[in-house]
Amino acid sequence: QYTDIIKWTPNEYIVPGPNQTHRMGYMAEGSQMAVYVNGFLLGEFEDDSYLEGKFGVSIAASDTPGFTVTITDAEYWELPQ
């Protein structure tokens, strides 16, 4: 089951259209979480119902036929204690 933690909202740091490249970042430490794009903070939230689990990327386009996305690199780091 998927849950939207932060609802989709247009942002000046996300350039729409074809042939765009964006670097996404997600930080989770305890109940604190943050979402970044291209080095800019998009949103932060606190939710103690997600103290463990999995993460991933979900991509969809309801209005763009032939929409494709390529993920070229994915990395994961443990935060220092």
PDB file of N, CA and C in Angstrom:
ATOM      1  N   GLN A   1       0.846  -1.175   0.000  1.00  0.00           N
ATOM      2  CA  GLN A   1       0.000   0.000   0.000  1.00  0.00           C
ATOM      3  C   GLN A   1       0.891   1.237   0.000  1.00  0.00           C
ATOM      4  N   TYR A   2       0.567   2.181  -0.856  1.00  0.00           N
ATOM      5  CA  TYR A   2       1.328   3.419  -0.965  1.00  0.00           C
ATOM      6  C   TYR A   2       0.593   4.536  -0.246  1.00  0.00           C
ATOM      7  N   THR A   3       1.358   5.405   0.393  1.00  0.00           N
ATOM      8  CA  THR A   3       0.793   6.545   1.097  1.00  0.00           C
ATOM      9  C   THR A   3       1.529   7.803   0.660  1.00  0.00           C
ATOM     10  N   ASP A   4       0.792   8.806   0.199  1.00  0.00           N
ATOM     11  CA  ASP A   4       1.403  10.101  -0.109  1.00  0.00           C
ATOM     12  C   ASP A   4       1.719  10.790   1.205  1.00  0.00           C
ATOM     13  N   ILE A   5       2.976  11.033   1.447  1.00  0.00           N
ATOM     14  CA  ILE A   5       3.378  11.695   2.682  1.00  0.00           C
ATOM     15  C   ILE A   5       3.340  13.210   2.480  1.00  0.00           C
ATOM     16  N   ILE A   6       3.786  13.657   1.331  1.00  0.00           N
ATOM     17  CA  ILE A   6       3.678  15.062   0.941  1.00  0.00           C
ATOM     18  C   ILE A   6       2.927  15.077  -0.384  1.00  0.00           C
ATOM     19  N   LYS A   7       1.835  15.795  -0.455  1.00  0.00           N
ATOM     20  CA  LYS A   7       1.039  15.872  -1.682  1.00  0.00           C
ATOM     21  C   LYS A   7       1.828  16.596  -2.772  1.00  0.00           C
ATOM     22  N   TRP A   8       1.587  16.195  -4.018  1.00  0.00           N
ATOM     23  CA  TRP A   8       2.252  16.811  -5.152  1.00  0.00           C
ATOM     24  C   TRP A   8       1.861  18.278  -5.243  1.00  0.00           C
ATOM     25  N   THR A   9       2.874  19.131  -5.434  1.00  0.00           N
ATOM     26  CA  THR A   9       2.669  20.567  -5.560  1.00  0.00           C
ATOM     27  C   THR A   9       3.703  21.103  -6.535  1.00  0.00           C
ATOM     28  N   PRO A  10       3.325  21.953  -7.497  1.00  0.00           N
ATOM     29  CA  PRO A  10       4.333  22.556  -8.378  1.00  0.00           C
ATOM     30  C   PRO A  10       5.360  23.326  -7.556  1.00  0.00           C
ATOM     31  N   ASN A  11       6.597  23.370  -8.059  1.00  0.00           N
ATOM     32  CA  ASN A  11       7.665  24.045  -7.344  1.00  0.00           C
ATOM     33  C   ASN A  11       8.634  24.635  -8.347  1.00  0.00           C
ATOM     34  N   GLU A  12       9.167  25.811  -8.051  1.00  0.00           N
ATOM     35  CA  GLU A  12      10.076  26.492  -8.977  1.00  0.00           C
ATOM     36  C   GLU A  12      11.357  25.703  -9.241  1.00  0.00           C
ATOM     37  N   TYR A  13      11.728  24.770  -8.359  1.00  0.00           N
ATOM     38  CA  TYR A  13      12.958  24.003  -8.517  1.00  0.00           C
ATOM     39  C   TYR A  13      12.764  22.742  -9.363  1.00  0.00           C
ATOM     40  N   ILE A  14      11.523  22.437  -9.733  1.00  0.00           N
ATOM     41  CA  ILE A  14      11.231  21.300 -10.598  1.00  0.00           C
ATOM     42  C   ILE A  14      10.843  21.856 -11.964  1.00  0.00           C
ATOM     43  N   VAL A  15      11.684  21.618 -12.954  1.00  0.00           N
ATOM     44  CA  VAL A  15      11.450  22.151 -14.294  1.00  0.00           C
ATOM     45  C   VAL A  15      10.637  21.130 -15.080  1.00  0.00           C
ATOM     46  N   PRO A  16       9.414  21.498 -15.498  1.00  0.00           N
ATOM     47  CA  PRO A  16       8.593  20.545 -16.256  1.00  0.00           C
ATOM     48  C   PRO A  16       9.055  20.434 -17.704  1.00  0.00           C
ATOM     49  N   GLY A  17       8.572  19.417 -18.379  1.00  0.00           N
ATOM     50  CA  GLY A  17       8.842  19.259 -19.796  1.00  0.00           C
ATOM     51  C   GLY A  17       9.824  18.152 -20.093  1.00  0.00           C
ATOM     52  N   PRO A  18       9.980  17.860 -21.382  1.00  0.00           N
ATOM     53  CA  PRO A  18      10.858  16.753 -21.788  1.00  0.00           C
ATOM     54  C   PRO A  18      12.338  17.083 -21.594  1.00  0.00           C
ATOM     55  N   ASN A  19      13.126  16.027 -21.489  1.00  0.00           N
ATOM     56  CA  ASN A  19      14.594  16.114 -21.422  1.00  0.00           C
ATOM     57  C   ASN A  19      15.090  16.936 -20.236  1.00  0.00           C
ATOM     58  N   GLN A  20      14.428  16.856 -19.104  1.00  0.00           N
ATOM     59  CA  GLN A  20      14.860  17.538 -17.887  1.00  0.00           C
ATOM     60  C   GLN A  20      15.550  16.527 -16.961  1.00  0.00           C
ATOM     61  N   THR A  21      16.517  16.995 -16.214  1.00  0.00           N
ATOM     62  CA  THR A  21      17.212  16.155 -15.247  1.00  0.00           C
ATOM     63  C   THR A  21      17.044  16.767 -13.863  1.00  0.00           C
ATOM     64  N   HIS A  22      16.679  15.923 -12.902  1.00  0.00           N
ATOM     65  CA  HIS A  22      16.503  16.382 -11.526  1.00  0.00           C
ATOM     66  C   HIS A  22      17.183  15.396 -10.579  1.00  0.00           C
ATOM     67  N   ARG A  23      17.782  15.916  -9.534  1.00  0.00           N
ATOM     68  CA  ARG A  23      18.398  15.090  -8.506  1.00  0.00           C
ATOM     69  C   ARG A  23      17.500  15.143  -7.271  1.00  0.00           C
ATOM     70  N   MET A  24      16.989  13.978  -6.875  1.00  0.00           N
ATOM     71  CA  MET A  24      16.075  13.880  -5.726  1.00  0.00           C
ATOM     72  C   MET A  24      16.830  13.403  -4.497  1.00  0.00           C
ATOM     73  N   GLY A  25      16.402  13.868  -3.337  1.00  0.00           N
ATOM     74  CA  GLY A  25      16.988  13.428  -2.079  1.00  0.00           C
ATOM     75  C   GLY A  25      15.908  13.268  -1.025  1.00  0.00           C
ATOM     76  N   TYR A  26      16.051  12.247  -0.208  1.00  0.00           N
ATOM     77  CA  TYR A  26      15.107  11.974   0.875  1.00  0.00           C
ATOM     78  C   TYR A  26      15.908  11.713   2.137  1.00  0.00           C
ATOM     79  N   MET A  27      15.521  12.352   3.235  1.00  0.00           N
ATOM     80  CA  MET A  27      16.210  12.159   4.500  1.00  0.00           C
ATOM     81  C   MET A  27      15.188  11.703   5.527  1.00  0.00           C
ATOM     82  N   ALA A  28      15.522  10.662   6.249  1.00  0.00           N
ATOM     83  CA  ALA A  28      14.665  10.180   7.331  1.00  0.00           C
ATOM     84  C   ALA A  28      15.535   9.885   8.535  1.00  0.00           C
ATOM     85  N   GLU A  29      15.196  10.491   9.665  1.00  0.00           N
ATOM     86  CA  GLU A  29      15.911  10.252  10.909  1.00  0.00           C
ATOM     87  C   GLU A  29      14.873  10.205  12.021  1.00  0.00           C
ATOM     88  N   GLY A  30      14.593   8.989  12.497  1.00  0.00           N
ATOM     89  CA  GLY A  30      13.521   8.827  13.478  1.00  0.00           C
ATOM     90  C   GLY A  30      12.197   9.215  12.852  1.00  0.00           C
ATOM     91  N   SER A  31      11.489  10.134  13.456  1.00  0.00           N
ATOM     92  CA  SER A  31      10.193  10.568  12.925  1.00  0.00           C
ATOM     93  C   SER A  31      10.313  11.798  12.025  1.00  0.00           C
ATOM     94  N   GLN A  32      11.525  12.334  11.859  1.00  0.00           N
ATOM     95  CA  GLN A  32      11.756  13.522  11.032  1.00  0.00           C
ATOM     96  C   GLN A  32      12.093  13.101   9.604  1.00  0.00           C
ATOM     97  N   MET A  33      11.416  13.707   8.626  1.00  0.00           N
ATOM     98  CA  MET A  33      11.678  13.392   7.222  1.00  0.00           C
ATOM     99  C   MET A  33      11.709  14.673   6.407  1.00  0.00           C
ATOM    100  N   ALA A  34      12.490  14.643   5.319  1.00  0.00           N
ATOM    101  CA  ALA A  34      12.610  15.797   4.434  1.00  0.00           C
ATOM    102  C   ALA A  34      12.769  15.314   3.001  1.00  0.00           C
ATOM    103  N   VAL A  35      12.299  16.120   2.059  1.00  0.00           N
ATOM    104  CA  VAL A  35      12.387  15.815   0.631  1.00  0.00           C
ATOM    105  C   VAL A  35      13.106  16.978  -0.048  1.00  0.00           C
ATOM    106  N   TYR A  36      14.092  16.640  -0.895  1.00  0.00           N
ATOM    107  CA  TYR A  36      14.889  17.647  -1.597  1.00  0.00           C
ATOM    108  C   TYR A  36      14.838  17.394  -3.101  1.00  0.00           C
ATOM    109  N   VAL A  37      14.982  18.460  -3.889  1.00  0.00           N
ATOM    110  CA  VAL A  37      15.178  18.324  -5.326  1.00  0.00           C
ATOM    111  C   VAL A  37      16.241  19.338  -5.741  1.00  0.00           C
ATOM    112  N   ASN A  38      17.218  18.870  -6.492  1.00  0.00           N
ATOM    113  CA  ASN A  38      18.289  19.722  -7.010  1.00  0.00           C
ATOM    114  C   ASN A  38      18.957  20.537  -5.899  1.00  0.00           C
ATOM    115  N   GLY A  39      19.064  19.967  -4.704  1.00  0.00           N
ATOM    116  CA  GLY A  39      19.719  20.627  -3.583  1.00  0.00           C
ATOM    117  C   GLY A  39      18.834  21.562  -2.772  1.00  0.00           C
ATOM    118  N   PHE A  40      17.562  21.688  -3.138  1.00  0.00           N
ATOM    119  CA  PHE A  40      16.651  22.579  -2.422  1.00  0.00           C
ATOM    120  C   PHE A  40      15.611  21.776  -1.648  1.00  0.00           C
ATOM    121  N   LEU A  41      15.329  22.219  -0.443  1.00  0.00           N
ATOM    122  CA  LEU A  41      14.333  21.563   0.399  1.00  0.00           C
ATOM    123  C   LEU A  41      12.941  21.825  -0.160  1.00  0.00           C
ATOM    124  N   LEU A  42      12.195  20.741  -0.443  1.00  0.00           N
ATOM    125  CA  LEU A  42      10.816  20.871  -0.916  1.00  0.00           C
ATOM    126  C   LEU A  42       9.814  20.811   0.232  1.00  0.00           C
ATOM    127  N   GLY A  43      10.110  20.013   1.235  1.00  0.00           N
ATOM    128  CA  GLY A  43       9.179  19.886   2.342  1.00  0.00           C
ATOM    129  C   GLY A  43       9.753  19.040   3.457  1.00  0.00           C
ATOM    130  N   GLU A  44       9.261  19.283   4.660  1.00  0.00           N
ATOM    131  CA  GLU A  44       9.652  18.512   5.835  1.00  0.00           C
ATOM    132  C   GLU A  44       8.385  18.094   6.567  1.00  0.00           C
ATOM    133  N   PHE A  45       8.464  17.013   7.289  1.00  0.00           N
ATOM    134  CA  PHE A  45       7.329  16.591   8.080  1.00  0.00           C
ATOM    135  C   PHE A  45       7.803  15.662   9.185  1.00  0.00           C
ATOM    136  N   GLU A  46       6.952  15.477  10.163  1.00  0.00           N
ATOM    137  CA  GLU A  46       7.232  14.566  11.261  1.00  0.00           C
ATOM    138  C   GLU A  46       6.079  13.586  11.355  1.00  0.00           C
ATOM    139  N   ASP A  47       6.422  12.305  11.425  1.00  0.00           N
ATOM    140  CA  ASP A  47       5.392  11.275  11.516  1.00  0.00           C
ATOM    141  C   ASP A  47       5.995  10.064  12.195  1.00  0.00           C
ATOM    142  N   ASP A  48       5.572   9.771  13.402  1.00  0.00           N
ATOM    143  CA  ASP A  48       6.161   8.651  14.130  1.00  0.00           C
ATOM    144  C   ASP A  48       5.535   7.303  13.776  1.00  0.00           C
ATOM    145  N   SER A  49       4.626   7.267  12.793  1.00  0.00           N
ATOM    146  CA  SER A  49       4.075   5.980  12.354  1.00  0.00           C
ATOM    147  C   SER A  49       4.983   5.297  11.327  1.00  0.00           C
ATOM    148  N   TYR A  50       6.064   5.944  10.903  1.00  0.00           N
ATOM    149  CA  TYR A  50       6.976   5.378   9.911  1.00  0.00           C
ATOM    150  C   TYR A  50       8.385   5.250  10.477  1.00  0.00           C
ATOM    151  N   LEU A  51       8.543   4.627  11.623  1.00  0.00           N
ATOM    152  CA  LEU A  51       9.874   4.499  12.222  1.00  0.00           C
ATOM    153  C   LEU A  51      10.728   3.436  11.534  1.00  0.00           C
ATOM    154  N   GLU A  52      10.124   2.575  10.724  1.00  0.00           N
ATOM    155  CA  GLU A  52      10.892   1.630   9.931  1.00  0.00           C
ATOM    156  C   GLU A  52      10.085   1.298   8.685  1.00  0.00           C
ATOM    157  N   GLY A  53      10.756   0.759   7.697  1.00  0.00           N
ATOM    158  CA  GLY A  53      10.063   0.393   6.473  1.00  0.00           C
ATOM    159  C   GLY A  53      10.996   0.436   5.283  1.00  0.00           C
ATOM    160  N   LYS A  54      10.437   0.612   4.119  1.00  0.00           N
ATOM    161  CA  LYS A  54      11.191   0.642   2.865  1.00  0.00           C
ATOM    162  C   LYS A  54      10.908   1.947   2.150  1.00  0.00           C
ATOM    163  N   PHE A  55      11.780   2.290   1.232  1.00  0.00           N
ATOM    164  CA  PHE A  55      11.553   3.486   0.438  1.00  0.00           C
ATOM    165  C   PHE A  55      11.752   3.143  -1.026  1.00  0.00           C
ATOM    166  N   GLY A  56      11.238   3.987  -1.885  1.00  0.00           N
ATOM    167  CA  GLY A  56      11.385   3.763  -3.311  1.00  0.00           C
ATOM    168  C   GLY A  56      10.879   4.951  -4.081  1.00  0.00           C
ATOM    169  N   VAL A  57      10.829   4.802  -5.368  1.00  0.00           N
ATOM    170  CA  VAL A  57      10.378   5.867  -6.246  1.00  0.00           C
ATOM    171  C   VAL A  57       9.107   5.416  -6.929  1.00  0.00           C
ATOM    172  N   SER A  58       8.111   6.263  -6.915  1.00  0.00           N
ATOM    173  CA  SER A  58       6.865   6.006  -7.630  1.00  0.00           C
ATOM    174  C   SER A  58       6.667   7.137  -8.622  1.00  0.00           C
ATOM    175  N   ILE A  59       6.549   6.790  -9.886  1.00  0.00           N
ATOM    176  CA  ILE A  59       6.451   7.803 -10.937  1.00  0.00           C
ATOM    177  C   ILE A  59       5.230   7.504 -11.786  1.00  0.00           C
ATOM    178  N   ALA A  60       4.443   8.535 -12.049  1.00  0.00           N
ATOM    179  CA  ALA A  60       3.245   8.361 -12.871  1.00  0.00           C
ATOM    180  C   ALA A  60       2.925   9.665 -13.588  1.00  0.00           C
ATOM    181  N   ALA A  61       2.224   9.562 -14.664  1.00  0.00           N
ATOM    182  CA  ALA A  61       1.758  10.740 -15.400  1.00  0.00           C
ATOM    183  C   ALA A  61       0.338  10.472 -15.876  1.00  0.00           C
ATOM    184  N   SER A  62      -0.599  11.181 -15.331  1.00  0.00           N
ATOM    185  CA  SER A  62      -1.991  10.957 -15.718  1.00  0.00           C
ATOM    186  C   SER A  62      -2.367  11.706 -16.983  1.00  0.00           C
ATOM    187  N   ASP A  63      -1.607  12.747 -17.345  1.00  0.00           N
ATOM    188  CA  ASP A  63      -1.974  13.579 -18.494  1.00  0.00           C
ATOM    189  C   ASP A  63      -0.953  13.571 -19.624  1.00  0.00           C
ATOM    190  N   THR A  64       0.072  12.704 -19.545  1.00  0.00           N
ATOM    191  CA  THR A  64       1.142  12.745 -20.542  1.00  0.00           C
ATOM    192  C   THR A  64       1.331  11.369 -21.171  1.00  0.00           C
ATOM    193  N   PRO A  65       0.748  11.139 -22.349  1.00  0.00           N
ATOM    194  CA  PRO A  65       0.958   9.852 -23.016  1.00  0.00           C
ATOM    195  C   PRO A  65       2.442   9.659 -23.358  1.00  0.00           C
ATOM    196  N   GLY A  66       2.936   8.441 -23.202  1.00  0.00           N
ATOM    197  CA  GLY A  66       4.320   8.138 -23.552  1.00  0.00           C
ATOM    198  C   GLY A  66       5.329   8.672 -22.554  1.00  0.00           C
ATOM    199  N   PHE A  67       4.889   9.088 -21.390  1.00  0.00           N
ATOM    200  CA  PHE A  67       5.772   9.619 -20.351  1.00  0.00           C
ATOM    201  C   PHE A  67       6.754   8.538 -19.908  1.00  0.00           C
ATOM    202  N   THR A  68       8.039   8.866 -19.877  1.00  0.00           N
ATOM    203  CA  THR A  68       9.050   7.916 -19.409  1.00  0.00           C
ATOM    204  C   THR A  68      10.014   8.625 -18.460  1.00  0.00           C
ATOM    205  N   VAL A  69      10.608   7.852 -17.581  1.00  0.00           N
ATOM    206  CA  VAL A  69      11.599   8.352 -16.634  1.00  0.00           C
ATOM    207  C   VAL A  69      12.743   7.355 -16.602  1.00  0.00           C
ATOM    208  N   THR A  70      13.954   7.860 -16.529  1.00  0.00           N
ATOM    209  CA  THR A  70      15.129   7.014 -16.393  1.00  0.00           C
ATOM    210  C   THR A  70      15.821   7.363 -15.090  1.00  0.00           C
ATOM    211  N   ILE A  71      16.043   6.375 -14.249  1.00  0.00           N
ATOM    212  CA  ILE A  71      16.795   6.570 -13.010  1.00  0.00           C
ATOM    213  C   ILE A  71      18.188   6.026 -13.266  1.00  0.00           C
ATOM    214  N   THR A  72      19.183   6.904 -13.209  1.00  0.00           N
ATOM    215  CA  THR A  72      20.534   6.499 -13.577  1.00  0.00           C
ATOM    216  C   THR A  72      21.401   6.131 -12.382  1.00  0.00           C
ATOM    217  N   ASP A  73      20.998   6.536 -11.178  1.00  0.00           N
ATOM    218  CA  ASP A  73      21.824   6.243 -10.009  1.00  0.00           C
ATOM    219  C   ASP A  73      20.943   6.303  -8.772  1.00  0.00           C
ATOM    220  N   ALA A  74      21.128   5.373  -7.875  1.00  0.00           N
ATOM    221  CA  ALA A  74      20.415   5.381  -6.599  1.00  0.00           C
ATOM    222  C   ALA A  74      21.394   4.952  -5.519  1.00  0.00           C
ATOM    223  N   GLU A  75      21.444   5.697  -4.417  1.00  0.00           N
ATOM    224  CA  GLU A  75      22.348   5.394  -3.322  1.00  0.00           C
ATOM    225  C   GLU A  75      21.623   5.532  -2.003  1.00  0.00           C
ATOM    226  N   TYR A  76      22.130   4.852  -0.982  1.00  0.00           N
ATOM    227  CA  TYR A  76      21.545   4.851   0.342  1.00  0.00           C
ATOM    228  C   TYR A  76      22.661   4.969   1.356  1.00  0.00           C
ATOM    229  N   TRP A  77      22.508   5.850   2.327  1.00  0.00           N
ATOM    230  CA  TRP A  77      23.494   6.023   3.385  1.00  0.00           C
ATOM    231  C   TRP A  77      22.846   5.868   4.742  1.00  0.00           C
ATOM    232  N   GLU A  78      23.551   5.227   5.666  1.00  0.00           N
ATOM    233  CA  GLU A  78      23.145   5.203   7.066  1.00  0.00           C
ATOM    234  C   GLU A  78      23.629   6.514   7.688  1.00  0.00           C
ATOM    235  N   LEU A  79      22.771   7.164   8.465  1.00  0.00           N
ATOM    236  CA  LEU A  79      23.179   8.377   9.159  1.00  0.00           C
ATOM    237  C   LEU A  79      24.100   8.023  10.314  1.00  0.00           C
ATOM    238  N   PRO A  80      25.147   8.830  10.555  1.00  0.00           N
ATOM    239  CA  PRO A  80      26.038   8.538  11.686  1.00  0.00           C
ATOM    240  C   PRO A  80      25.290   8.661  13.003  1.00  0.00           C
ATOM    241  N   GLN A  81      25.638   7.823  13.959  1.00  0.00           N
ATOM    242  CA  GLN A  81      24.986   7.854  15.277  1.00  0.00           C
ATOM    243  C   GLN A  81      25.515   8.968  16.120  1.00  0.00           C
TER     244      GLN A  81
END
